Every structure is written in C-alpha cells, then in structure tokens.
Amino acid sequence: MSTDITRRKFIAASAVGTAGLAVSVPSGSAAAAAQPAQPEKRDPTRFQIACMTLPYGQFPLARALTGLRNAGYAHIAWGTSHLEDGKRVPILDVKDPPGRAKDLASRCRDMGMEPVMMFSGIYPEAKDGFEVLRARILQAAGGRVPQVLTFGHTRGGNEKVWIERFKQLAPICRDNNVTLVVKQHGGETGTGAACARITREVNHSHIKVNYDAGNVMDYLNGKVNPLEDLRACAAEVRSFCIKDHRFFPEPHQDCGPGFGEVDHYRMLNLVAFTGMTISLSCENIFAPGVPRPSKPEGIDALARRAKEYLEFVIQALQRPRPGN
C-alpha cells in the first residue's frame, strides 16, 4: 500500500502544468504549505507535431516536402537550405520579398502541411541582427508562418543587446502576428532559464522561448537536467525544437526523439495542459551510432517514426483520467 501511495504522489506531482512553474518554493516552508493541493485545471495543449525540412538538407526541397507529406505530417518547419542541382540553396534568402514566403507556404498548404516555424539565420547580437530579424518577421508574415526561431552564439551572447533589440522587434512581431522565439545554443543562453530571463525582461506576448532539450544536454555536456531547466521556463515556452541526445555509446551525439536519454513523457507533461497551441518541430530524427540514410526513403522512415513516437507520448499524457 505504501508503494502505491508513493506512486500516486509522484504522478500527482509530475502532472503540475505551467501554472505552478514560474516560482520555485522550498519544500517544508510556510509558503509551500500555503500552496493549493491541486493545480489549476486547464484545457489540454494543442500540440502540433511538425518536422523540419532540415533532415533532408542533402536533397532538394521538393523531395523534402514529398517525404514529409508521405510520412503523414500535417505541419512543417522550414530550415534551412537544400541541395538543388548540386548547389546549396537557402529555402528563403534574407533578401527575398515576403511574397516568396507566401508562395512557399502555399506550396506546403497545397500538399496538406501547415508551416509553423522558420529559421532566422542570424544571432540576435550580430551587427545586422535587428535588420535581418525584422526581414524574417516580415517574410513569416507574408507566409502566415506563426514563429521565427533565433538563438545565440555558442561562445556567448550579449544580454543587454538582446533585450534592447527584442523590445524594438516586439511591436513589429505584434503588428504582423508573428512570435519571435529564442532557443538554447550554449554559451550564456545555453539553458531555458537563461532564455526565459531575457524574454521576461522584454515582457511581451510575441517574444517567447523555444525549448530544445537536445541542445541543453549537448552544449552543457549533461551538467543541466532538461526537466529541471524546463520547469524554470515552461511558462515562457511557445514551441519546441525536438531532438534527443545520447551519451552512450561514445561519442555522445544528438539523435531523434526516443533514441536518446531525454524523457519526452515527463518533459511534455510539464506543458501538456496549458490551453495553448504549441508546436513540436522535429529537428533531428536520426538514430545514434549508425550511419545516416544515404537515400531519402530512409529519412522518410525516420520522419514517420518520430511523428508516431510523439503521437504516442501525447496520447498517454492527455488521455482521460478516472474522475475527470
């Protein structure tokens, strides 16, 4: 009986949504005793399972779109370039007009896939960071792509510059119905907590966090637990770049979801009942320790596996519970 009670307590604790994540309260304190016994009930998160075109980077964009459609994806993320007639060509050049993004988005929608995110291709602290990010936001607006992704340099960023530029970009994002999301990439912004500190300082609904557990494990060499890190920033998270990471067998490397050491069940449980729409864009779908497929059909199979894995995770987390 004591084992069953412990198990129920664990499940109840792990079910806490983002409503209780903004503040960490020491156990045993008066403040902890004052906390409500049950978390606030919210509607299930509307997860959008997407795959980036990135895994198909060694093949033409057209083949990436066909592969993801045939793998069953209803959502897609653009990133970043593809081999076209032997030359590497960006999906969208920063100088392309918003109409080019509109055409690409229409192409995706005609194939039954809704775009959810695109890469900015620039560090926020770069000399031309503001101009490039502004151009990417306008491109996203042209294609009705809801999010633009950015991240910092692995050697570290400049928090003051980030905050200043994000505050300038925030009204542009709002006016164009685009959210700028920042994810972890080593250095000073290697954790979700660090990214959330910046977005909270900006304090705008269109400047938020994208969470990448694989990057947290990779760049910080396993020294930061993604679950604890996500707890510190979950209220700011509006999307995920899905990749896993495996430390054994060496060398440690990023990999597809379910192949590594990230517990996606516990991770996504932290945002499973936000009432919001949150996209899950698979960035790495490959198996660790084995050669990557040389033919696109092999990538198709891995893309389908990643989608099905995430579907099972979400079904398990959001299934009706007795008494609900």
C-alpha atoms as a PDB file:
ATOM      1  CA  MET A   1       0.000   0.000   0.000  1.00  0.00           C
ATOM      2  CA  SER A   2       2.809   2.424   0.838  1.00  0.00           C
ATOM      3  CA  THR A   3       4.328   1.839  -2.597  1.00  0.00           C
ATOM      4  CA  ASP A   4       1.006   2.655  -4.276  1.00  0.00           C
ATOM      5  CA  ILE A   5       0.647   5.858  -2.232  1.00  0.00           C
ATOM      6  CA  THR A   6       4.172   6.933  -3.173  1.00  0.00           C
ATOM      7  CA  ARG A   7       3.412   6.250  -6.827  1.00  0.00           C
ATOM      8  CA  ARG A   8       0.216   8.320  -6.686  1.00  0.00           C
ATOM      9  CA  LYS A   9       2.069  11.198  -5.068  1.00  0.00           C
ATOM     10  CA  PHE A  10       4.711  11.073  -7.782  1.00  0.00           C
ATOM     11  CA  ILE A  11       2.119  11.109 -10.565  1.00  0.00           C
ATOM     12  CA  ALA A  12       0.275  13.996  -8.942  1.00  0.00           C
ATOM     13  CA  ALA A  13       3.492  15.987  -8.606  1.00  0.00           C
ATOM     14  CA  SER A  14       4.570  15.359 -12.198  1.00  0.00           C
ATOM     15  CA  ALA A  15       1.182  16.443 -13.523  1.00  0.00           C
ATOM     16  CA  VAL A  16       1.630  20.045 -12.470  1.00  0.00           C
ATOM     17  CA  GLY A  17       1.314  22.302 -15.530  1.00  0.00           C
ATOM     18  CA  THR A  18       2.875  25.626 -16.299  1.00  0.00           C
ATOM     19  CA  ALA A  19       0.683  27.416 -13.775  1.00  0.00           C
ATOM     20  CA  GLY A  20       2.960  26.273 -10.977  1.00  0.00           C
ATOM     21  CA  LEU A  21       6.313  26.575 -12.718  1.00  0.00           C
ATOM     22  CA  ALA A  22       7.090  30.270 -12.539  1.00  0.00           C
ATOM     23  CA  VAL A  23       8.128  30.213  -8.883  1.00  0.00           C
ATOM     24  CA  SER A  24      10.213  27.634  -7.051  1.00  0.00           C
ATOM     25  CA  VAL A  25       9.118  27.212  -3.428  1.00  0.00           C
ATOM     26  CA  PRO A  26      11.372  25.459  -0.903  1.00  0.00           C
ATOM     27  CA  SER A  27       9.801  22.325   0.488  1.00  0.00           C
ATOM     28  CA  GLY A  28       8.750  22.477   4.116  1.00  0.00           C
ATOM     29  CA  SER A  29       8.443  26.267   4.139  1.00  0.00           C
ATOM     30  CA  ALA A  30       5.333  28.202   5.140  1.00  0.00           C
ATOM     31  CA  ALA A  31       4.981  29.298   1.541  1.00  0.00           C
ATOM     32  CA  ALA A  32       4.960  25.686   0.383  1.00  0.00           C
ATOM     33  CA  ALA A  33       2.293  24.792   2.914  1.00  0.00           C
ATOM     34  CA  ALA A  34       0.122  27.593   1.552  1.00  0.00           C
ATOM     35  CA  GLN A  35       0.185  26.219  -1.991  1.00  0.00           C
ATOM     36  CA  PRO A  36      -3.104  24.712  -3.281  1.00  0.00           C
ATOM     37  CA  ALA A  37      -3.342  20.941  -3.096  1.00  0.00           C
ATOM     38  CA  GLN A  38      -4.402  20.673  -6.758  1.00  0.00           C
ATOM     39  CA  PRO A  39      -3.021  22.625  -9.754  1.00  0.00           C
ATOM     40  CA  GLU A  40      -5.333  24.894 -11.681  1.00  0.00           C
ATOM     41  CA  LYS A  41      -7.259  22.895 -14.267  1.00  0.00           C
ATOM     42  CA  ARG A  42      -6.627  23.973 -17.843  1.00  0.00           C
ATOM     43  CA  ASP A  43      -7.560  22.714 -21.274  1.00  0.00           C
ATOM     44  CA  PRO A  44      -5.156  20.307 -22.986  1.00  0.00           C
ATOM     45  CA  THR A  45      -2.377  21.873 -25.004  1.00  0.00           C
ATOM     46  CA  ARG A  46      -2.960  21.701 -28.750  1.00  0.00           C
ATOM     47  CA  PHE A  47       0.304  20.104 -29.814  1.00  0.00           C
ATOM     48  CA  GLN A  48       1.274  20.486 -33.481  1.00  0.00           C
ATOM     49  CA  ILE A  49       3.718  17.741 -34.478  1.00  0.00           C
ATOM     50  CA  ALA A  50       5.918  19.058 -37.272  1.00  0.00           C
ATOM     51  CA  CYS A  51       9.174  18.081 -38.916  1.00  0.00           C
ATOM     52  CA  MET A  52      11.787  20.452 -40.238  1.00  0.00           C
ATOM     53  CA  THR A  53      12.989  20.093 -43.789  1.00  0.00           C
ATOM     54  CA  LEU A  54      16.486  20.191 -42.229  1.00  0.00           C
ATOM     55  CA  PRO A  55      16.984  16.379 -42.118  1.00  0.00           C
ATOM     56  CA  TYR A  56      16.560  16.384 -45.913  1.00  0.00           C
ATOM     57  CA  GLY A  57      19.256  19.026 -46.384  1.00  0.00           C
ATOM     58  CA  GLN A  58      21.282  16.815 -48.769  1.00  0.00           C
ATOM     59  CA  PHE A  59      18.303  16.534 -51.111  1.00  0.00           C
ATOM     60  CA  PRO A  60      16.150  19.065 -52.986  1.00  0.00           C
ATOM     61  CA  LEU A  61      13.407  20.898 -51.131  1.00  0.00           C
ATOM     62  CA  ALA A  62      10.781  19.290 -53.351  1.00  0.00           C
ATOM     63  CA  ARG A  63      11.882  15.845 -52.127  1.00  0.00           C
ATOM     64  CA  ALA A  64      11.735  17.009 -48.515  1.00  0.00           C
ATOM     65  CA  LEU A  65       8.163  18.221 -48.934  1.00  0.00           C
ATOM     66  CA  THR A  66       7.102  14.997 -50.620  1.00  0.00           C
ATOM     67  CA  GLY A  67       8.771  12.884 -47.959  1.00  0.00           C
ATOM     68  CA  LEU A  68       7.162  14.721 -45.058  1.00  0.00           C
ATOM     69  CA  ARG A  69       3.758  14.637 -46.692  1.00  0.00           C
ATOM     70  CA  ASN A  70       4.045  10.882 -47.259  1.00  0.00           C
ATOM     71  CA  ALA A  71       5.240  10.458 -43.665  1.00  0.00           C
ATOM     72  CA  GLY A  72       1.898  11.855 -42.551  1.00  0.00           C
ATOM     73  CA  TYR A  73       2.837  15.303 -41.297  1.00  0.00           C
ATOM     74  CA  ALA A  74       0.136  17.965 -41.182  1.00  0.00           C
ATOM     75  CA  HIS A  75       2.644  20.607 -40.013  1.00  0.00           C
ATOM     76  CA  ILE A  76       6.088  21.575 -41.261  1.00  0.00           C
ATOM     77  CA  ALA A  77       9.006  23.834 -40.285  1.00  0.00           C
ATOM     78  CA  TRP A  78      11.407  25.375 -42.785  1.00  0.00           C
ATOM     79  CA  GLY A  79      15.120  25.011 -42.322  1.00  0.00           C
ATOM     80  CA  THR A  80      17.500  25.949 -43.672  1.00  0.00           C
ATOM     81  CA  SER A  81      18.954  25.056 -47.100  1.00  0.00           C
ATOM     82  CA  HIS A  82      18.872  22.206 -49.628  1.00  0.00           C
ATOM     83  CA  LEU A  83      20.999  20.838 -52.449  1.00  0.00           C
ATOM     84  CA  GLU A  84      19.495  21.931 -55.740  1.00  0.00           C
ATOM     85  CA  ASP A  85      21.357  20.692 -58.846  1.00  0.00           C
ATOM     86  CA  GLY A  86      24.472  20.195 -56.748  1.00  0.00           C
ATOM     87  CA  LYS A  87      24.398  23.672 -55.199  1.00  0.00           C
ATOM     88  CA  ARG A  88      23.360  24.582 -51.675  1.00  0.00           C
ATOM     89  CA  VAL A  89      20.434  26.961 -51.851  1.00  0.00           C
ATOM     90  CA  PRO A  90      18.649  28.606 -48.898  1.00  0.00           C
ATOM     91  CA  ILE A  91      14.940  27.939 -48.612  1.00  0.00           C
ATOM     92  CA  LEU A  92      14.482  31.675 -48.192  1.00  0.00           C
ATOM     93  CA  ASP A  93      17.247  34.201 -48.662  1.00  0.00           C
ATOM     94  CA  VAL A  94      17.055  37.103 -46.250  1.00  0.00           C
ATOM     95  CA  LYS A  95      16.738  39.408 -49.276  1.00  0.00           C
ATOM     96  CA  ASP A  96      13.704  37.561 -50.639  1.00  0.00           C
ATOM     97  CA  PRO A  97      10.456  39.544 -50.515  1.00  0.00           C
ATOM     98  CA  PRO A  98       7.598  38.352 -48.278  1.00  0.00           C
ATOM     99  CA  GLY A  99       5.841  37.195 -51.440  1.00  0.00           C
ATOM    100  CA  ARG A 100       8.427  34.431 -51.809  1.00  0.00           C
ATOM    101  CA  ALA A 101       7.478  33.129 -48.367  1.00  0.00           C
ATOM    102  CA  LYS A 102       3.831  33.341 -49.324  1.00  0.00           C
ATOM    103  CA  ASP A 103       4.486  31.181 -52.396  1.00  0.00           C
ATOM    104  CA  LEU A 104       6.403  28.595 -50.373  1.00  0.00           C
ATOM    105  CA  ALA A 105       3.703  28.493 -47.714  1.00  0.00           C
ATOM    106  CA  SER A 106       1.043  27.987 -50.388  1.00  0.00           C
ATOM    107  CA  ARG A 107       3.102  25.166 -51.835  1.00  0.00           C
ATOM    108  CA  CYS A 108       3.184  23.478 -48.418  1.00  0.00           C
ATOM    109  CA  ARG A 109      -0.520  24.031 -47.795  1.00  0.00           C
ATOM    110  CA  ASP A 110      -1.408  22.629 -51.205  1.00  0.00           C
ATOM    111  CA  MET A 111       0.332  19.447 -50.033  1.00  0.00           C
ATOM    112  CA  GLY A 112      -1.657  19.399 -46.782  1.00  0.00           C
ATOM    113  CA  MET A 113       1.063  20.777 -44.487  1.00  0.00           C
ATOM    114  CA  GLU A 114       0.731  23.952 -42.429  1.00  0.00           C
ATOM    115  CA  PRO A 115       4.015  25.856 -41.791  1.00  0.00           C
ATOM    116  CA  VAL A 116       4.610  26.518 -38.080  1.00  0.00           C
ATOM    117  CA  MET A 117       8.137  27.942 -37.883  1.00  0.00           C
ATOM    118  CA  MET A 118      11.114  29.218 -39.886  1.00  0.00           C
ATOM    119  CA  PHE A 119      14.747  29.923 -39.008  1.00  0.00           C
ATOM    120  CA  SER A 120      16.042  33.469 -38.802  1.00  0.00           C
ATOM    121  CA  GLY A 121      19.600  32.505 -39.726  1.00  0.00           C
ATOM    122  CA  ILE A 122      21.106  35.239 -37.540  1.00  0.00           C
ATOM    123  CA  TYR A 123      22.323  35.679 -33.983  1.00  0.00           C
ATOM    124  CA  PRO A 124      20.437  38.459 -32.168  1.00  0.00           C
ATOM    125  CA  GLU A 125      23.741  40.096 -31.177  1.00  0.00           C
ATOM    126  CA  ALA A 126      25.074  40.193 -34.758  1.00  0.00           C
ATOM    127  CA  LYS A 127      25.871  43.604 -36.205  1.00  0.00           C
ATOM    128  CA  ASP A 128      22.921  43.396 -38.598  1.00  0.00           C
ATOM    129  CA  GLY A 129      20.810  41.323 -36.213  1.00  0.00           C
ATOM    130  CA  PHE A 130      17.938  43.777 -35.964  1.00  0.00           C
ATOM    131  CA  GLU A 131      17.629  44.269 -39.725  1.00  0.00           C
ATOM    132  CA  VAL A 132      17.770  40.550 -40.509  1.00  0.00           C
ATOM    133  CA  LEU A 133      15.303  39.605 -37.788  1.00  0.00           C
ATOM    134  CA  ARG A 134      12.927  42.323 -38.975  1.00  0.00           C
ATOM    135  CA  ALA A 135      13.158  40.993 -42.548  1.00  0.00           C
ATOM    136  CA  ARG A 136      12.495  37.437 -41.357  1.00  0.00           C
ATOM    137  CA  ILE A 137       9.457  38.563 -39.370  1.00  0.00           C
ATOM    138  CA  LEU A 138       8.030  40.228 -42.480  1.00  0.00           C
ATOM    139  CA  GLN A 139       8.718  37.089 -44.526  1.00  0.00           C
ATOM    140  CA  ALA A 140       6.961  34.970 -41.911  1.00  0.00           C
ATOM    141  CA  ALA A 141       4.004  37.325 -42.001  1.00  0.00           C
ATOM    142  CA  GLY A 142       3.874  37.020 -45.792  1.00  0.00           C
ATOM    143  CA  GLY A 143       3.588  33.240 -45.495  1.00  0.00           C
ATOM    144  CA  ARG A 144       1.427  33.317 -42.364  1.00  0.00           C
ATOM    145  CA  VAL A 145       4.130  31.392 -40.519  1.00  0.00           C
ATOM    146  CA  PRO A 146       3.481  31.996 -36.807  1.00  0.00           C
ATOM    147  CA  GLN A 147       7.035  31.770 -35.439  1.00  0.00           C
ATOM    148  CA  VAL A 148      10.580  32.837 -36.314  1.00  0.00           C
ATOM    149  CA  LEU A 149      13.370  30.988 -34.488  1.00  0.00           C
ATOM    150  CA  THR A 150      16.612  32.576 -33.304  1.00  0.00           C
ATOM    151  CA  PHE A 151      19.408  31.586 -30.919  1.00  0.00           C
ATOM    152  CA  GLY A 152      22.699  32.874 -29.606  1.00  0.00           C
ATOM    153  CA  HIS A 153      26.306  32.175 -30.431  1.00  0.00           C
ATOM    154  CA  THR A 154      27.808  29.156 -28.673  1.00  0.00           C
ATOM    155  CA  ARG A 155      30.580  31.378 -27.241  1.00  0.00           C
ATOM    156  CA  GLY A 156      28.011  33.552 -25.526  1.00  0.00           C
ATOM    157  CA  GLY A 157      25.763  36.470 -26.355  1.00  0.00           C
ATOM    158  CA  ASN A 158      25.117  39.970 -25.159  1.00  0.00           C
ATOM    159  CA  GLU A 159      22.055  40.023 -22.947  1.00  0.00           C
ATOM    160  CA  LYS A 160      21.786  43.807 -22.964  1.00  0.00           C
ATOM    161  CA  VAL A 161      21.769  43.927 -26.774  1.00  0.00           C
ATOM    162  CA  TRP A 162      19.292  41.053 -26.978  1.00  0.00           C
ATOM    163  CA  ILE A 163      16.838  42.792 -24.680  1.00  0.00           C
ATOM    164  CA  GLU A 164      17.195  46.101 -26.469  1.00  0.00           C
ATOM    165  CA  ARG A 165      16.645  44.563 -29.908  1.00  0.00           C
ATOM    166  CA  PHE A 166      13.810  42.301 -28.797  1.00  0.00           C
ATOM    167  CA  LYS A 167      11.996  45.296 -27.338  1.00  0.00           C
ATOM    168  CA  GLN A 168      12.360  47.047 -30.701  1.00  0.00           C
ATOM    169  CA  LEU A 169      11.173  43.974 -32.585  1.00  0.00           C
ATOM    170  CA  ALA A 170       8.245  43.172 -30.271  1.00  0.00           C
ATOM    171  CA  PRO A 171       5.766  45.688 -31.776  1.00  0.00           C
ATOM    172  CA  ILE A 172       6.786  44.597 -35.284  1.00  0.00           C
ATOM    173  CA  CYS A 173       6.035  40.998 -34.296  1.00  0.00           C
ATOM    174  CA  ARG A 174       2.699  42.013 -32.790  1.00  0.00           C
ATOM    175  CA  ASP A 175       1.634  44.032 -35.829  1.00  0.00           C
ATOM    176  CA  ASN A 176       2.474  41.089 -38.108  1.00  0.00           C
ATOM    177  CA  ASN A 177       1.077  38.342 -35.867  1.00  0.00           C
ATOM    178  CA  VAL A 178       4.470  36.601 -35.608  1.00  0.00           C
ATOM    179  CA  THR A 179       6.182  35.383 -32.441  1.00  0.00           C
ATOM    180  CA  LEU A 180       9.963  35.523 -32.197  1.00  0.00           C
ATOM    181  CA  VAL A 181      11.168  32.518 -30.179  1.00  0.00           C
ATOM    182  CA  VAL A 182      14.679  32.044 -28.801  1.00  0.00           C
ATOM    183  CA  LYS A 183      16.179  28.655 -28.021  1.00  0.00           C
ATOM    184  CA  GLN A 184      19.219  27.338 -26.173  1.00  0.00           C
ATOM    185  CA  HIS A 185      22.505  27.189 -28.044  1.00  0.00           C
ATOM    186  CA  GLY A 186      25.306  27.033 -25.494  1.00  0.00           C
ATOM    187  CA  GLY A 187      27.150  29.993 -24.017  1.00  0.00           C
ATOM    188  CA  GLU A 188      25.231  32.490 -21.914  1.00  0.00           C
ATOM    189  CA  THR A 189      21.907  31.316 -23.345  1.00  0.00           C
ATOM    190  CA  GLY A 190      22.597  27.603 -23.021  1.00  0.00           C
ATOM    191  CA  THR A 191      19.615  26.981 -20.760  1.00  0.00           C
ATOM    192  CA  GLY A 192      15.917  27.651 -20.998  1.00  0.00           C
ATOM    193  CA  ALA A 193      16.132  29.508 -17.697  1.00  0.00           C
ATOM    194  CA  ALA A 194      18.624  31.953 -19.231  1.00  0.00           C
ATOM    195  CA  CYS A 195      16.446  32.484 -22.305  1.00  0.00           C
ATOM    196  CA  ALA A 196      13.376  32.995 -20.122  1.00  0.00           C
ATOM    197  CA  ARG A 197      15.201  35.600 -18.057  1.00  0.00           C
ATOM    198  CA  ILE A 198      15.588  37.610 -21.255  1.00  0.00           C
ATOM    199  CA  THR A 199      12.027  37.144 -22.502  1.00  0.00           C
ATOM    200  CA  ARG A 200      10.616  38.038 -19.085  1.00  0.00           C
ATOM    201  CA  GLU A 201      12.651  41.224 -19.114  1.00  0.00           C
ATOM    202  CA  VAL A 202      11.286  42.064 -22.570  1.00  0.00           C
ATOM    203  CA  ASN A 203       7.838  41.218 -21.204  1.00  0.00           C
ATOM    204  CA  HIS A 204       5.938  40.935 -24.472  1.00  0.00           C
ATOM    205  CA  SER A 205       3.487  38.323 -25.719  1.00  0.00           C
ATOM    206  CA  HIS A 206       5.329  37.997 -29.065  1.00  0.00           C
ATOM    207  CA  ILE A 207       8.848  37.399 -27.676  1.00  0.00           C
ATOM    208  CA  LYS A 208       8.991  33.938 -26.124  1.00  0.00           C
ATOM    209  CA  VAL A 209      11.095  30.795 -25.621  1.00  0.00           C
ATOM    210  CA  ASN A 210      11.565  27.736 -27.814  1.00  0.00           C
ATOM    211  CA  TYR A 211      12.831  24.726 -25.873  1.00  0.00           C
ATOM    212  CA  ASP A 212      15.499  22.367 -27.238  1.00  0.00           C
ATOM    213  CA  ALA A 213      16.338  19.640 -24.709  1.00  0.00           C
ATOM    214  CA  GLY A 214      18.926  18.093 -27.026  1.00  0.00           C
ATOM    215  CA  ASN A 215      20.909  21.321 -27.166  1.00  0.00           C
ATOM    216  CA  VAL A 216      20.808  21.683 -23.385  1.00  0.00           C
ATOM    217  CA  MET A 217      22.272  18.188 -22.979  1.00  0.00           C
ATOM    218  CA  ASP A 218      24.777  18.562 -25.811  1.00  0.00           C
ATOM    219  CA  TYR A 219      26.286  22.010 -25.287  1.00  0.00           C
ATOM    220  CA  LEU A 220      26.302  21.711 -21.487  1.00  0.00           C
ATOM    221  CA  ASN A 221      27.627  18.115 -21.530  1.00  0.00           C
ATOM    222  CA  GLY A 222      24.820  16.707 -19.409  1.00  0.00           C
ATOM    223  CA  LYS A 223      25.503  19.069 -16.498  1.00  0.00           C
ATOM    224  CA  VAL A 224      21.965  20.512 -16.661  1.00  0.00           C
ATOM    225  CA  ASN A 225      18.886  18.309 -16.406  1.00  0.00           C
ATOM    226  CA  PRO A 226      16.447  19.431 -19.146  1.00  0.00           C
ATOM    227  CA  LEU A 227      13.463  18.557 -16.937  1.00  0.00           C
ATOM    228  CA  GLU A 228      14.576  20.883 -14.159  1.00  0.00           C
ATOM    229  CA  ASP A 229      15.569  23.522 -16.686  1.00  0.00           C
ATOM    230  CA  LEU A 230      12.191  23.367 -18.412  1.00  0.00           C
ATOM    231  CA  ARG A 231      10.460  23.803 -15.062  1.00  0.00           C
ATOM    232  CA  ALA A 232      12.214  27.166 -14.775  1.00  0.00           C
ATOM    233  CA  CYS A 233      10.996  28.443 -18.139  1.00  0.00           C
ATOM    234  CA  ALA A 234       7.871  26.466 -19.104  1.00  0.00           C
ATOM    235  CA  ALA A 235       5.539  29.433 -18.659  1.00  0.00           C
ATOM    236  CA  GLU A 236       7.526  31.234 -21.391  1.00  0.00           C
ATOM    237  CA  VAL A 237       7.716  28.310 -23.835  1.00  0.00           C
ATOM    238  CA  ARG A 238       5.632  28.526 -27.019  1.00  0.00           C
ATOM    239  CA  SER A 239       7.305  25.812 -29.117  1.00  0.00           C
ATOM    240  CA  PHE A 240       9.905  23.036 -29.071  1.00  0.00           C
ATOM    241  CA  CYS A 241      12.715  22.014 -31.368  1.00  0.00           C
ATOM    242  CA  ILE A 242      12.555  18.270 -30.869  1.00  0.00           C
ATOM    243  CA  LYS A 243      15.855  16.454 -30.707  1.00  0.00           C
ATOM    244  CA  ASP A 244      17.185  13.870 -28.296  1.00  0.00           C
ATOM    245  CA  HIS A 245      20.726  13.235 -27.091  1.00  0.00           C
ATOM    246  CA  ARG A 246      22.640  10.093 -26.166  1.00  0.00           C
ATOM    247  CA  PHE A 247      25.885   9.982 -24.161  1.00  0.00           C
ATOM    248  CA  PHE A 248      26.483   6.247 -24.588  1.00  0.00           C
ATOM    249  CA  PRO A 249      27.942   4.709 -26.640  1.00  0.00           C
ATOM    250  CA  GLU A 250      30.567   7.367 -27.266  1.00  0.00           C
ATOM    251  CA  PRO A 251      30.900   9.750 -28.919  1.00  0.00           C
ATOM    252  CA  HIS A 252      27.824  11.428 -27.470  1.00  0.00           C
ATOM    253  CA  GLN A 253      25.566  12.881 -30.127  1.00  0.00           C
ATOM    254  CA  ASP A 254      22.178  14.360 -30.919  1.00  0.00           C
ATOM    255  CA  CYS A 255      19.549  11.993 -32.268  1.00  0.00           C
ATOM    256  CA  GLY A 256      15.858  11.573 -32.962  1.00  0.00           C
ATOM    257  CA  PRO A 257      13.210  11.550 -30.220  1.00  0.00           C
ATOM    258  CA  GLY A 258      13.056   8.271 -28.326  1.00  0.00           C
ATOM    259  CA  PHE A 259      16.587   7.246 -29.346  1.00  0.00           C
ATOM    260  CA  GLY A 260      18.334   9.201 -26.596  1.00  0.00           C
ATOM    261  CA  GLU A 261      18.170   9.992 -22.901  1.00  0.00           C
ATOM    262  CA  VAL A 262      15.559  12.776 -22.851  1.00  0.00           C
ATOM    263  CA  ASP A 263      12.330  11.656 -21.171  1.00  0.00           C
ATOM    264  CA  HIS A 264       9.774  13.182 -23.518  1.00  0.00           C
ATOM    265  CA  TYR A 265       6.909  11.893 -21.402  1.00  0.00           C
ATOM    266  CA  ARG A 266       7.984  13.866 -18.356  1.00  0.00           C
ATOM    267  CA  MET A 267       9.180  16.805 -20.440  1.00  0.00           C
ATOM    268  CA  LEU A 268       5.984  17.337 -22.418  1.00  0.00           C
ATOM    269  CA  ASN A 269       3.908  16.610 -19.332  1.00  0.00           C
ATOM    270  CA  LEU A 270       5.130  19.958 -17.987  1.00  0.00           C
ATOM    271  CA  VAL A 271       3.273  21.731 -20.809  1.00  0.00           C
ATOM    272  CA  ALA A 272       0.512  19.219 -21.571  1.00  0.00           C
ATOM    273  CA  PHE A 273      -2.311  21.328 -20.133  1.00  0.00           C
ATOM    274  CA  THR A 274      -1.634  24.958 -20.987  1.00  0.00           C
ATOM    275  CA  GLY A 275      -4.709  25.586 -23.134  1.00  0.00           C
ATOM    276  CA  MET A 276      -2.309  26.984 -25.769  1.00  0.00           C
ATOM    277  CA  THR A 277      -1.117  25.817 -29.190  1.00  0.00           C
ATOM    278  CA  ILE A 278       2.495  24.599 -29.003  1.00  0.00           C
ATOM    279  CA  SER A 279       4.386  23.238 -31.995  1.00  0.00           C
ATOM    280  CA  LEU A 280       6.862  20.351 -31.734  1.00  0.00           C
ATOM    281  CA  SER A 281       9.253  20.615 -34.686  1.00  0.00           C
ATOM    282  CA  CYS A 282      11.500  17.586 -35.151  1.00  0.00           C
ATOM    283  CA  GLU A 283      14.984  18.909 -35.918  1.00  0.00           C
ATOM    284  CA  ASN A 284      16.925  15.664 -35.607  1.00  0.00           C
ATOM    285  CA  ILE A 285      15.265  12.355 -36.424  1.00  0.00           C
ATOM    286  CA  PHE A 286      18.349  10.159 -36.873  1.00  0.00           C
ATOM    287  CA  ALA A 287      19.432   7.081 -34.900  1.00  0.00           C
ATOM    288  CA  PRO A 288      22.658   7.405 -32.887  1.00  0.00           C
ATOM    289  CA  GLY A 289      25.681   5.238 -33.561  1.00  0.00           C
ATOM    290  CA  VAL A 290      24.701   4.184 -37.066  1.00  0.00           C
ATOM    291  CA  PRO A 291      25.245   5.839 -40.463  1.00  0.00           C
ATOM    292  CA  ARG A 292      22.584   8.251 -41.630  1.00  0.00           C
ATOM    293  CA  PRO A 293      20.476   7.089 -44.561  1.00  0.00           C
ATOM    294  CA  SER A 294      22.049   7.758 -47.944  1.00  0.00           C
ATOM    295  CA  LYS A 295      18.682   7.660 -49.685  1.00  0.00           C
ATOM    296  CA  PRO A 296      15.676   9.875 -48.946  1.00  0.00           C
ATOM    297  CA  GLU A 297      13.445   6.859 -48.369  1.00  0.00           C
ATOM    298  CA  GLY A 298      15.449   6.102 -45.232  1.00  0.00           C
ATOM    299  CA  ILE A 299      14.836   9.639 -43.965  1.00  0.00           C
ATOM    300  CA  ASP A 300      11.126   9.226 -44.733  1.00  0.00           C
ATOM    301  CA  ALA A 301      11.001   6.185 -42.445  1.00  0.00           C
ATOM    302  CA  LEU A 302      12.753   8.024 -39.608  1.00  0.00           C
ATOM    303  CA  ALA A 303      10.471  11.032 -40.017  1.00  0.00           C
ATOM    304  CA  ARG A 304       7.427   8.778 -39.754  1.00  0.00           C
ATOM    305  CA  ARG A 305       8.866   7.043 -36.673  1.00  0.00           C
ATOM    306  CA  ALA A 306       9.490  10.382 -34.928  1.00  0.00           C
ATOM    307  CA  LYS A 307       5.935  11.520 -35.607  1.00  0.00           C
ATOM    308  CA  GLU A 308       4.411   8.278 -34.354  1.00  0.00           C
ATOM    309  CA  TYR A 309       6.563   8.335 -31.214  1.00  0.00           C
ATOM    310  CA  LEU A 310       5.420  11.861 -30.308  1.00  0.00           C
ATOM    311  CA  GLU A 311       1.816  10.931 -31.037  1.00  0.00           C
ATOM    312  CA  PHE A 312       2.031   8.079 -28.529  1.00  0.00           C
ATOM    313  CA  VAL A 313       3.610  10.370 -25.927  1.00  0.00           C
ATOM    314  CA  ILE A 314       0.864  12.967 -26.285  1.00  0.00           C
ATOM    315  CA  GLN A 315      -1.898  10.357 -26.209  1.00  0.00           C
ATOM    316  CA  ALA A 316      -0.513   8.941 -22.977  1.00  0.00           C
ATOM    317  CA  LEU A 317      -0.221  12.334 -21.293  1.00  0.00           C
ATOM    318  CA  GLN A 318      -3.600  13.708 -22.340  1.00  0.00           C
ATOM    319  CA  ARG A 319      -5.713  10.564 -22.040  1.00  0.00           C
ATOM    320  CA  PRO A 320      -8.812  10.936 -19.840  1.00  0.00           C
ATOM    321  CA  ARG A 321      -8.070  10.135 -16.195  1.00  0.00           C
ATOM    322  CA  PRO A 322     -10.568   8.439 -13.860  1.00  0.00           C
ATOM    323  CA  GLY A 323     -12.710  11.077 -12.197  1.00  0.00           C
ATOM    324  CA  ASN A 324     -12.000  13.765 -14.824  1.00  0.00           C
END
